[in-house]
Amino acid sequence: MRYEREEKKEHKIKKIGDMLGRFTIMAQNGEMTRTAVSDALKKYGLNIDTKNITVHKELVRIKISPAQRSELFLKQGRIIEELRQNPLTKNIKRVC
């Protein structure tokens, strides 16, 4: 009996990766994520302030001029690839 109880305790131990995953999700709408998006955009010539960036799950919305929006759509594939390399922004699938 005593040995069986000890086995059950082992199953209750959580992996540290699962716990860290929660913090990544919590930071999704945070300043760090918007900064990471802004840095990726700067790499491709779009200087956007973080206050103009909104992140919601897999979608990033940016308040920019129509000319900048056209440039964004031309470079969107490369920007998405850049965002996938960062753990905070790896789930982002669309930038508009």
PDB file of N, CA and C in Angstrom:
ATOM      1  N   MET A   1       0.813  -1.194   0.000  1.00  0.00           N
ATOM      2  CA  MET A   1       0.000   0.000   0.000  1.00  0.00           C
ATOM      3  C   MET A   1       0.862   1.265   0.000  1.00  0.00           C
ATOM      4  N   ARG A   2       1.813   1.286   0.863  1.00  0.00           N
ATOM      5  CA  ARG A   2       2.640   2.473   0.982  1.00  0.00           C
ATOM      6  C   ARG A   2       3.382   2.753  -0.324  1.00  0.00           C
ATOM      7  N   TYR A   3       3.868   1.716  -0.975  1.00  0.00           N
ATOM      8  CA  TYR A   3       4.587   1.868  -2.232  1.00  0.00           C
ATOM      9  C   TYR A   3       3.673   2.425  -3.325  1.00  0.00           C
ATOM     10  N   GLU A   4       2.422   1.993  -3.351  1.00  0.00           N
ATOM     11  CA  GLU A   4       1.467   2.483  -4.347  1.00  0.00           C
ATOM     12  C   GLU A   4       1.214   3.975  -4.166  1.00  0.00           C
ATOM     13  N   ARG A   5       1.140   4.446  -2.955  1.00  0.00           N
ATOM     14  CA  ARG A   5       0.919   5.872  -2.689  1.00  0.00           C
ATOM     15  C   ARG A   5       2.087   6.710  -3.212  1.00  0.00           C
ATOM     16  N   GLU A   6       3.295   6.204  -3.054  1.00  0.00           N
ATOM     17  CA  GLU A   6       4.459   6.941  -3.531  1.00  0.00           C
ATOM     18  C   GLU A   6       4.443   7.053  -5.056  1.00  0.00           C
ATOM     19  N   GLU A   7       3.977   6.013  -5.726  1.00  0.00           N
ATOM     20  CA  GLU A   7       3.883   6.067  -7.182  1.00  0.00           C
ATOM     21  C   GLU A   7       2.890   7.123  -7.629  1.00  0.00           C
ATOM     22  N   LYS A   8       1.789   7.238  -6.933  1.00  0.00           N
ATOM     23  CA  LYS A   8       0.789   8.234  -7.286  1.00  0.00           C
ATOM     24  C   LYS A   8       1.336   9.643  -7.132  1.00  0.00           C
ATOM     25  N   LYS A   9       2.183   9.864  -6.179  1.00  0.00           N
ATOM     26  CA  LYS A   9       2.782  11.186  -5.978  1.00  0.00           C
ATOM     27  C   LYS A   9       3.667  11.562  -7.159  1.00  0.00           C
ATOM     28  N   GLU A  10       4.322  10.590  -7.753  1.00  0.00           N
ATOM     29  CA  GLU A  10       5.178  10.871  -8.894  1.00  0.00           C
ATOM     30  C   GLU A  10       4.379  11.426 -10.065  1.00  0.00           C
ATOM     31  N   HIS A  11       3.189  10.969 -10.247  1.00  0.00           N
ATOM     32  CA  HIS A  11       2.359  11.411 -11.364  1.00  0.00           C
ATOM     33  C   HIS A  11       1.868  12.837 -11.177  1.00  0.00           C
ATOM     34  N   LYS A  12       1.870  13.327  -9.973  1.00  0.00           N
ATOM     35  CA  LYS A  12       1.393  14.674  -9.703  1.00  0.00           C
ATOM     36  C   LYS A  12       2.465  15.730  -9.949  1.00  0.00           C
ATOM     37  N   ILE A  13       3.692  15.319 -10.101  1.00  0.00           N
ATOM     38  CA  ILE A  13       4.777  16.269 -10.326  1.00  0.00           C
ATOM     39  C   ILE A  13       4.647  16.856 -11.725  1.00  0.00           C
ATOM     40  N   LYS A  14       4.655  18.161 -11.793  1.00  0.00           N
ATOM     41  CA  LYS A  14       4.522  18.846 -13.077  1.00  0.00           C
ATOM     42  C   LYS A  14       5.901  19.125 -13.666  1.00  0.00           C
ATOM     43  N   LYS A  15       5.949  19.131 -14.963  1.00  0.00           N
ATOM     44  CA  LYS A  15       7.200  19.458 -15.638  1.00  0.00           C
ATOM     45  C   LYS A  15       7.400  20.964 -15.604  1.00  0.00           C
ATOM     46  N   ILE A  16       8.632  21.383 -15.456  1.00  0.00           N
ATOM     47  CA  ILE A  16       8.915  22.814 -15.381  1.00  0.00           C
ATOM     48  C   ILE A  16       8.598  23.507 -16.704  1.00  0.00           C
ATOM     49  N   GLY A  17       8.704  22.796 -17.804  1.00  0.00           N
ATOM     50  CA  GLY A  17       8.358  23.364 -19.100  1.00  0.00           C
ATOM     51  C   GLY A  17       6.895  23.760 -19.183  1.00  0.00           C
ATOM     52  N   ASP A  18       6.021  22.961 -18.561  1.00  0.00           N
ATOM     53  CA  ASP A  18       4.595  23.296 -18.537  1.00  0.00           C
ATOM     54  C   ASP A  18       4.355  24.576 -17.756  1.00  0.00           C
ATOM     55  N   MET A  19       5.060  24.728 -16.661  1.00  0.00           N
ATOM     56  CA  MET A  19       4.888  25.921 -15.829  1.00  0.00           C
ATOM     57  C   MET A  19       5.407  27.165 -16.551  1.00  0.00           C
ATOM     58  N   LEU A  20       6.504  27.030 -17.271  1.00  0.00           N
ATOM     59  CA  LEU A  20       7.058  28.169 -17.999  1.00  0.00           C
ATOM     60  C   LEU A  20       6.174  28.542 -19.185  1.00  0.00           C
ATOM     61  N   GLY A  21       5.476  27.573 -19.734  1.00  0.00           N
ATOM     62  CA  GLY A  21       4.561  27.843 -20.832  1.00  0.00           C
ATOM     63  C   GLY A  21       3.458  28.806 -20.427  1.00  0.00           C
ATOM     64  N   ARG A  22       3.018  28.724 -19.194  1.00  0.00           N
ATOM     65  CA  ARG A  22       1.993  29.642 -18.706  1.00  0.00           C
ATOM     66  C   ARG A  22       2.489  31.078 -18.731  1.00  0.00           C
ATOM     67  N   PHE A  23       3.729  31.294 -18.348  1.00  0.00           N
ATOM     68  CA  PHE A  23       4.275  32.646 -18.338  1.00  0.00           C
ATOM     69  C   PHE A  23       4.429  33.192 -19.752  1.00  0.00           C
ATOM     70  N   THR A  24       4.745  32.331 -20.693  1.00  0.00           N
ATOM     71  CA  THR A  24       4.847  32.759 -22.083  1.00  0.00           C
ATOM     72  C   THR A  24       3.495  33.231 -22.596  1.00  0.00           C
ATOM     73  N   ILE A  25       2.446  32.500 -22.252  1.00  0.00           N
ATOM     74  CA  ILE A  25       1.102  32.886 -22.673  1.00  0.00           C
ATOM     75  C   ILE A  25       0.691  34.194 -22.005  1.00  0.00           C
ATOM     76  N   MET A  26       1.020  34.362 -20.732  1.00  0.00           N
ATOM     77  CA  MET A  26       0.665  35.582 -20.018  1.00  0.00           C
ATOM     78  C   MET A  26       1.366  36.796 -20.615  1.00  0.00           C
ATOM     79  N   ALA A  27       2.559  36.607 -21.115  1.00  0.00           N
ATOM     80  CA  ALA A  27       3.314  37.716 -21.687  1.00  0.00           C
ATOM     81  C   ALA A  27       2.891  38.038 -23.116  1.00  0.00           C
ATOM     82  N   GLN A  28       1.975  37.238 -23.662  1.00  0.00           N
ATOM     83  CA  GLN A  28       1.571  37.403 -25.061  1.00  0.00           C
ATOM     84  C   GLN A  28       1.088  38.817 -25.354  1.00  0.00           C
ATOM     85  N   ASN A  29       0.305  39.404 -24.480  1.00  0.00           N
ATOM     86  CA  ASN A  29      -0.201  40.749 -24.710  1.00  0.00           C
ATOM     87  C   ASN A  29       0.661  41.801 -24.029  1.00  0.00           C
ATOM     88  N   GLY A  30       1.762  41.411 -23.483  1.00  0.00           N
ATOM     89  CA  GLY A  30       2.596  42.313 -22.722  1.00  0.00           C
ATOM     90  C   GLY A  30       3.511  43.180 -23.563  1.00  0.00           C
ATOM     91  N   GLU A  31       4.176  44.034 -22.864  1.00  0.00           N
ATOM     92  CA  GLU A  31       5.104  44.979 -23.496  1.00  0.00           C
ATOM     93  C   GLU A  31       6.259  44.262 -24.186  1.00  0.00           C
ATOM     94  N   MET A  32       6.698  43.148 -23.623  1.00  0.00           N
ATOM     95  CA  MET A  32       7.824  42.427 -24.221  1.00  0.00           C
ATOM     96  C   MET A  32       7.462  41.913 -25.610  1.00  0.00           C
ATOM     97  N   THR A  33       6.252  41.443 -25.781  1.00  0.00           N
ATOM     98  CA  THR A  33       5.822  40.934 -27.082  1.00  0.00           C
ATOM     99  C   THR A  33       5.726  42.067 -28.098  1.00  0.00           C
ATOM    100  N   ARG A  34       5.152  43.177 -27.685  1.00  0.00           N
ATOM    101  CA  ARG A  34       5.053  44.323 -28.608  1.00  0.00           C
ATOM    102  C   ARG A  34       6.437  44.830 -28.977  1.00  0.00           C
ATOM    103  N   THR A  35       7.360  44.820 -28.042  1.00  0.00           N
ATOM    104  CA  THR A  35       8.734  45.240 -28.326  1.00  0.00           C
ATOM    105  C   THR A  35       9.392  44.279 -29.317  1.00  0.00           C
ATOM    106  N   ALA A  36       9.153  42.984 -29.147  1.00  0.00           N
ATOM    107  CA  ALA A  36       9.720  41.991 -30.067  1.00  0.00           C
ATOM    108  C   ALA A  36       9.168  42.185 -31.480  1.00  0.00           C
ATOM    109  N   VAL A  37       7.882  42.483 -31.587  1.00  0.00           N
ATOM    110  CA  VAL A  37       7.271  42.740 -32.898  1.00  0.00           C
ATOM    111  C   VAL A  37       7.868  44.003 -33.502  1.00  0.00           C
ATOM    112  N   SER A  38       8.006  45.042 -32.691  1.00  0.00           N
ATOM    113  CA  SER A  38       8.578  46.301 -33.161  1.00  0.00           C
ATOM    114  C   SER A  38      10.009  46.101 -33.662  1.00  0.00           C
ATOM    115  N   ASP A  39      10.789  45.309 -32.951  1.00  0.00           N
ATOM    116  CA  ASP A  39      12.171  45.032 -33.369  1.00  0.00           C
ATOM    117  C   ASP A  39      12.212  44.279 -34.698  1.00  0.00           C
ATOM    118  N   ALA A  40      11.309  43.322 -34.872  1.00  0.00           N
ATOM    119  CA  ALA A  40      11.254  42.577 -36.140  1.00  0.00           C
ATOM    120  C   ALA A  40      10.878  43.504 -37.290  1.00  0.00           C
ATOM    121  N   LEU A  41       9.963  44.434 -37.037  1.00  0.00           N
ATOM    122  CA  LEU A  41       9.567  45.381 -38.071  1.00  0.00           C
ATOM    123  C   LEU A  41      10.705  46.341 -38.410  1.00  0.00           C
ATOM    124  N   LYS A  42      11.457  46.766 -37.406  1.00  0.00           N
ATOM    125  CA  LYS A  42      12.593  47.670 -37.635  1.00  0.00           C
ATOM    126  C   LYS A  42      13.656  47.008 -38.499  1.00  0.00           C
ATOM    127  N   LYS A  43      13.817  45.711 -38.333  1.00  0.00           N
ATOM    128  CA  LYS A  43      14.812  44.985 -39.123  1.00  0.00           C
ATOM    129  C   LYS A  43      14.505  45.086 -40.622  1.00  0.00           C
ATOM    130  N   TYR A  44      13.218  45.242 -40.956  1.00  0.00           N
ATOM    131  CA  TYR A  44      12.823  45.338 -42.356  1.00  0.00           C
ATOM    132  C   TYR A  44      12.407  46.752 -42.756  1.00  0.00           C
ATOM    133  N   GLY A  45      12.839  47.744 -42.002  1.00  0.00           N
ATOM    134  CA  GLY A  45      12.671  49.138 -42.398  1.00  0.00           C
ATOM    135  C   GLY A  45      11.380  49.811 -41.974  1.00  0.00           C
ATOM    136  N   LEU A  46      10.597  49.187 -41.103  1.00  0.00           N
ATOM    137  CA  LEU A  46       9.355  49.800 -40.618  1.00  0.00           C
ATOM    138  C   LEU A  46       9.540  50.202 -39.153  1.00  0.00           C
ATOM    139  N   ASN A  47       9.685  51.482 -38.899  1.00  0.00           N
ATOM    140  CA  ASN A  47       9.853  51.968 -37.533  1.00  0.00           C
ATOM    141  C   ASN A  47       8.485  52.290 -36.938  1.00  0.00           C
ATOM    142  N   ILE A  48       7.984  51.368 -36.114  1.00  0.00           N
ATOM    143  CA  ILE A  48       6.661  51.490 -35.512  1.00  0.00           C
ATOM    144  C   ILE A  48       6.812  51.542 -34.002  1.00  0.00           C
ATOM    145  N   ASP A  49       6.148  52.497 -33.368  1.00  0.00           N
ATOM    146  CA  ASP A  49       6.165  52.617 -31.912  1.00  0.00           C
ATOM    147  C   ASP A  49       5.333  51.489 -31.303  1.00  0.00           C
ATOM    148  N   THR A  50       5.743  51.001 -30.140  1.00  0.00           N
ATOM    149  CA  THR A  50       5.041  49.882 -29.508  1.00  0.00           C
ATOM    150  C   THR A  50       3.606  50.232 -29.112  1.00  0.00           C
ATOM    151  N   LYS A  51       3.307  51.508 -28.892  1.00  0.00           N
ATOM    152  CA  LYS A  51       1.934  51.863 -28.514  1.00  0.00           C
ATOM    153  C   LYS A  51       0.959  51.729 -29.688  1.00  0.00           C
ATOM    154  N   ASN A  52       1.475  51.607 -30.908  1.00  0.00           N
ATOM    155  CA  ASN A  52       0.642  51.410 -32.094  1.00  0.00           C
ATOM    156  C   ASN A  52       0.486  49.939 -32.475  1.00  0.00           C
ATOM    157  N   ILE A  53       0.996  49.036 -31.635  1.00  0.00           N
ATOM    158  CA  ILE A  53       0.954  47.601 -31.905  1.00  0.00           C
ATOM    159  C   ILE A  53       0.035  46.928 -30.892  1.00  0.00           C
ATOM    160  N   THR A  54      -0.893  46.116 -31.399  1.00  0.00           N
ATOM    161  CA  THR A  54      -1.791  45.339 -30.550  1.00  0.00           C
ATOM    162  C   THR A  54      -1.637  43.868 -30.908  1.00  0.00           C
ATOM    163  N   VAL A  55      -1.424  43.029 -29.901  1.00  0.00           N
ATOM    164  CA  VAL A  55      -1.256  41.593 -30.121  1.00  0.00           C
ATOM    165  C   VAL A  55      -2.447  40.871 -29.490  1.00  0.00           C
ATOM    166  N   HIS A  56      -3.090  40.024 -30.285  1.00  0.00           N
ATOM    167  CA  HIS A  56      -4.191  39.206 -29.775  1.00  0.00           C
ATOM    168  C   HIS A  56      -4.034  37.794 -30.324  1.00  0.00           C
ATOM    169  N   LYS A  57      -3.571  36.896 -29.488  1.00  0.00           N
ATOM    170  CA  LYS A  57      -3.325  35.491 -29.828  1.00  0.00           C
ATOM    171  C   LYS A  57      -2.414  35.365 -31.041  1.00  0.00           C
ATOM    172  N   GLU A  58      -2.956  35.043 -32.209  1.00  0.00           N
ATOM    173  CA  GLU A  58      -2.139  34.812 -33.401  1.00  0.00           C
ATOM    174  C   GLU A  58      -2.143  35.992 -34.357  1.00  0.00           C
ATOM    175  N   LEU A  59      -2.699  37.122 -33.948  1.00  0.00           N
ATOM    176  CA  LEU A  59      -2.874  38.267 -34.828  1.00  0.00           C
ATOM    177  C   LEU A  59      -2.213  39.512 -34.233  1.00  0.00           C
ATOM    178  N   VAL A  60      -1.485  40.224 -35.074  1.00  0.00           N
ATOM    179  CA  VAL A  60      -0.884  41.504 -34.671  1.00  0.00           C
ATOM    180  C   VAL A  60      -1.526  42.593 -35.514  1.00  0.00           C
ATOM    181  N   ARG A  61      -2.088  43.582 -34.858  1.00  0.00           N
ATOM    182  CA  ARG A  61      -2.675  44.739 -35.554  1.00  0.00           C
ATOM    183  C   ARG A  61      -1.781  45.944 -35.306  1.00  0.00           C
ATOM    184  N   ILE A  62      -1.534  46.698 -36.378  1.00  0.00           N
ATOM    185  CA  ILE A  62      -0.646  47.848 -36.301  1.00  0.00           C
ATOM    186  C   ILE A  62      -1.351  49.061 -36.882  1.00  0.00           C
ATOM    187  N   LYS A  63      -1.311  50.166 -36.149  1.00  0.00           N
ATOM    188  CA  LYS A  63      -1.879  51.424 -36.637  1.00  0.00           C
ATOM    189  C   LYS A  63      -0.787  52.154 -37.405  1.00  0.00           C
ATOM    190  N   ILE A  64      -0.892  52.129 -38.748  1.00  0.00           N
ATOM    191  CA  ILE A  64       0.117  52.774 -39.603  1.00  0.00           C
ATOM    192  C   ILE A  64      -0.582  53.418 -40.799  1.00  0.00           C
ATOM    193  N   SER A  65       0.183  54.225 -41.522  1.00  0.00           N
ATOM    194  CA  SER A  65      -0.343  54.902 -42.705  1.00  0.00           C
ATOM    195  C   SER A  65      -0.533  53.899 -43.846  1.00  0.00           C
ATOM    196  N   PRO A  66      -1.341  54.237 -44.828  1.00  0.00           N
ATOM    197  CA  PRO A  66      -1.546  53.327 -45.971  1.00  0.00           C
ATOM    198  C   PRO A  66      -0.248  52.982 -46.721  1.00  0.00           C
ATOM    199  N   ALA A  67       0.654  53.927 -46.839  1.00  0.00           N
ATOM    200  CA  ALA A  67       1.927  53.653 -47.526  1.00  0.00           C
ATOM    201  C   ALA A  67       2.741  52.625 -46.733  1.00  0.00           C
ATOM    202  N   GLN A  68       2.789  52.783 -45.414  1.00  0.00           N
ATOM    203  CA  GLN A  68       3.512  51.820 -44.582  1.00  0.00           C
ATOM    204  C   GLN A  68       2.812  50.455 -44.616  1.00  0.00           C
ATOM    205  N   ARG A  69       1.483  50.450 -44.683  1.00  0.00           N
ATOM    206  CA  ARG A  69       0.731  49.198 -44.733  1.00  0.00           C
ATOM    207  C   ARG A  69       1.059  48.417 -46.014  1.00  0.00           C
ATOM    208  N   SER A  70       1.200  49.122 -47.132  1.00  0.00           N
ATOM    209  CA  SER A  70       1.583  48.467 -48.387  1.00  0.00           C
ATOM    210  C   SER A  70       2.967  47.846 -48.257  1.00  0.00           C
ATOM    211  N   GLU A  71       3.887  48.577 -47.656  1.00  0.00           N
ATOM    212  CA  GLU A  71       5.231  48.053 -47.439  1.00  0.00           C
ATOM    213  C   GLU A  71       5.204  46.847 -46.506  1.00  0.00           C
ATOM    214  N   LEU A  72       4.355  46.902 -45.495  1.00  0.00           N
ATOM    215  CA  LEU A  72       4.208  45.794 -44.554  1.00  0.00           C
ATOM    216  C   LEU A  72       3.732  44.533 -45.278  1.00  0.00           C
ATOM    217  N   PHE A  73       2.728  44.655 -46.139  1.00  0.00           N
ATOM    218  CA  PHE A  73       2.207  43.491 -46.849  1.00  0.00           C
ATOM    219  C   PHE A  73       3.235  42.903 -47.810  1.00  0.00           C
ATOM    220  N   LEU A  74       4.085  43.737 -48.396  1.00  0.00           N
ATOM    221  CA  LEU A  74       5.135  43.228 -49.276  1.00  0.00           C
ATOM    222  C   LEU A  74       6.173  42.411 -48.512  1.00  0.00           C
ATOM    223  N   LYS A  75       6.419  42.787 -47.257  1.00  0.00           N
ATOM    224  CA  LYS A  75       7.463  42.149 -46.454  1.00  0.00           C
ATOM    225  C   LYS A  75       6.899  41.204 -45.402  1.00  0.00           C
ATOM    226  N   GLN A  76       5.600  40.935 -45.432  1.00  0.00           N
ATOM    227  CA  GLN A  76       4.953  40.177 -44.372  1.00  0.00           C
ATOM    228  C   GLN A  76       5.530  38.776 -44.187  1.00  0.00           C
ATOM    229  N   GLY A  77       5.843  38.080 -45.253  1.00  0.00           N
ATOM    230  CA  GLY A  77       6.398  36.730 -45.147  1.00  0.00           C
ATOM    231  C   GLY A  77       7.708  36.706 -44.382  1.00  0.00           C
ATOM    232  N   ARG A  78       8.587  37.638 -44.694  1.00  0.00           N
ATOM    233  CA  ARG A  78       9.877  37.700 -44.005  1.00  0.00           C
ATOM    234  C   ARG A  78       9.709  38.121 -42.549  1.00  0.00           C
ATOM    235  N   ILE A  79       8.758  39.003 -42.295  1.00  0.00           N
ATOM    236  CA  ILE A  79       8.507  39.456 -40.918  1.00  0.00           C
ATOM    237  C   ILE A  79       7.961  38.300 -40.076  1.00  0.00           C
ATOM    238  N   ILE A  80       7.044  37.517 -40.638  1.00  0.00           N
ATOM    239  CA  ILE A  80       6.485  36.367 -39.921  1.00  0.00           C
ATOM    240  C   ILE A  80       7.589  35.364 -39.591  1.00  0.00           C
ATOM    241  N   GLU A  81       8.485  35.110 -40.536  1.00  0.00           N
ATOM    242  CA  GLU A  81       9.604  34.197 -40.284  1.00  0.00           C
ATOM    243  C   GLU A  81      10.495  34.718 -39.152  1.00  0.00           C
ATOM    244  N   GLU A  82      10.712  36.010 -39.129  1.00  0.00           N
ATOM    245  CA  GLU A  82      11.507  36.624 -38.056  1.00  0.00           C
ATOM    246  C   GLU A  82      10.807  36.459 -36.711  1.00  0.00           C
ATOM    247  N   LEU A  83       9.497  36.628 -36.686  1.00  0.00           N
ATOM    248  CA  LEU A  83       8.732  36.505 -35.443  1.00  0.00           C
ATOM    249  C   LEU A  83       8.718  35.064 -34.934  1.00  0.00           C
ATOM    250  N   ARG A  84       8.762  34.098 -35.817  1.00  0.00           N
ATOM    251  CA  ARG A  84       8.748  32.685 -35.407  1.00  0.00           C
ATOM    252  C   ARG A  84      10.024  32.267 -34.702  1.00  0.00           C
ATOM    253  N   GLN A  85      11.081  33.025 -34.856  1.00  0.00           N
ATOM    254  CA  GLN A  85      12.348  32.694 -34.206  1.00  0.00           C
ATOM    255  C   GLN A  85      12.380  33.119 -32.743  1.00  0.00           C
ATOM    256  N   ASN A  86      11.460  33.967 -32.335  1.00  0.00           N
ATOM    257  CA  ASN A  86      11.395  34.461 -30.965  1.00  0.00           C
ATOM    258  C   ASN A  86      10.338  33.673 -30.196  1.00  0.00           C
ATOM    259  N   PRO A  87      10.661  33.123 -29.014  1.00  0.00           N
ATOM    260  CA  PRO A  87       9.675  32.344 -28.251  1.00  0.00           C
ATOM    261  C   PRO A  87       8.413  33.127 -27.883  1.00  0.00           C
ATOM    262  N   LEU A  88       8.523  34.416 -27.701  1.00  0.00           N
ATOM    263  CA  LEU A  88       7.354  35.224 -27.335  1.00  0.00           C
ATOM    264  C   LEU A  88       6.403  35.437 -28.508  1.00  0.00           C
ATOM    265  N   THR A  89       6.930  35.410 -29.716  1.00  0.00           N
ATOM    266  CA  THR A  89       6.118  35.728 -30.887  1.00  0.00           C
ATOM    267  C   THR A  89       5.990  34.554 -31.853  1.00  0.00           C
ATOM    268  N   LYS A  90       6.373  33.369 -31.433  1.00  0.00           N
ATOM    269  CA  LYS A  90       6.379  32.229 -32.361  1.00  0.00           C
ATOM    270  C   LYS A  90       4.981  31.796 -32.792  1.00  0.00           C
ATOM    271  N   ASN A  91       3.934  32.157 -32.050  1.00  0.00           N
ATOM    272  CA  ASN A  91       2.569  31.754 -32.394  1.00  0.00           C
ATOM    273  C   ASN A  91       1.866  32.737 -33.333  1.00  0.00           C
ATOM    274  N   ILE A  92       2.502  33.847 -33.632  1.00  0.00           N
ATOM    275  CA  ILE A  92       1.882  34.861 -34.484  1.00  0.00           C
ATOM    276  C   ILE A  92       1.871  34.378 -35.923  1.00  0.00           C
ATOM    277  N   LYS A  93       0.689  34.442 -36.550  1.00  0.00           N
ATOM    278  CA  LYS A  93       0.530  33.967 -37.920  1.00  0.00           C
ATOM    279  C   LYS A  93       0.169  35.070 -38.898  1.00  0.00           C
ATOM    280  N   ARG A  94      -0.262  36.222 -38.390  1.00  0.00           N
ATOM    281  CA  ARG A  94      -0.677  37.287 -39.304  1.00  0.00           C
ATOM    282  C   ARG A  94      -0.357  38.649 -38.707  1.00  0.00           C
ATOM    283  N   VAL A  95       0.136  39.522 -39.558  1.00  0.00           N
ATOM    284  CA  VAL A  95       0.428  40.906 -39.189  1.00  0.00           C
ATOM    285  C   VAL A  95      -0.356  41.798 -40.151  1.00  0.00           C
ATOM    286  N   CYS A  96      -1.209  42.655 -39.614  1.00  0.00           N
ATOM    287  CA  CYS A  96      -1.986  43.537 -40.483  1.00  0.00           C
ATOM    288  C   CYS A  96      -2.181  44.898 -39.824  1.00  0.00           C
TER     289      CYS A  96
END
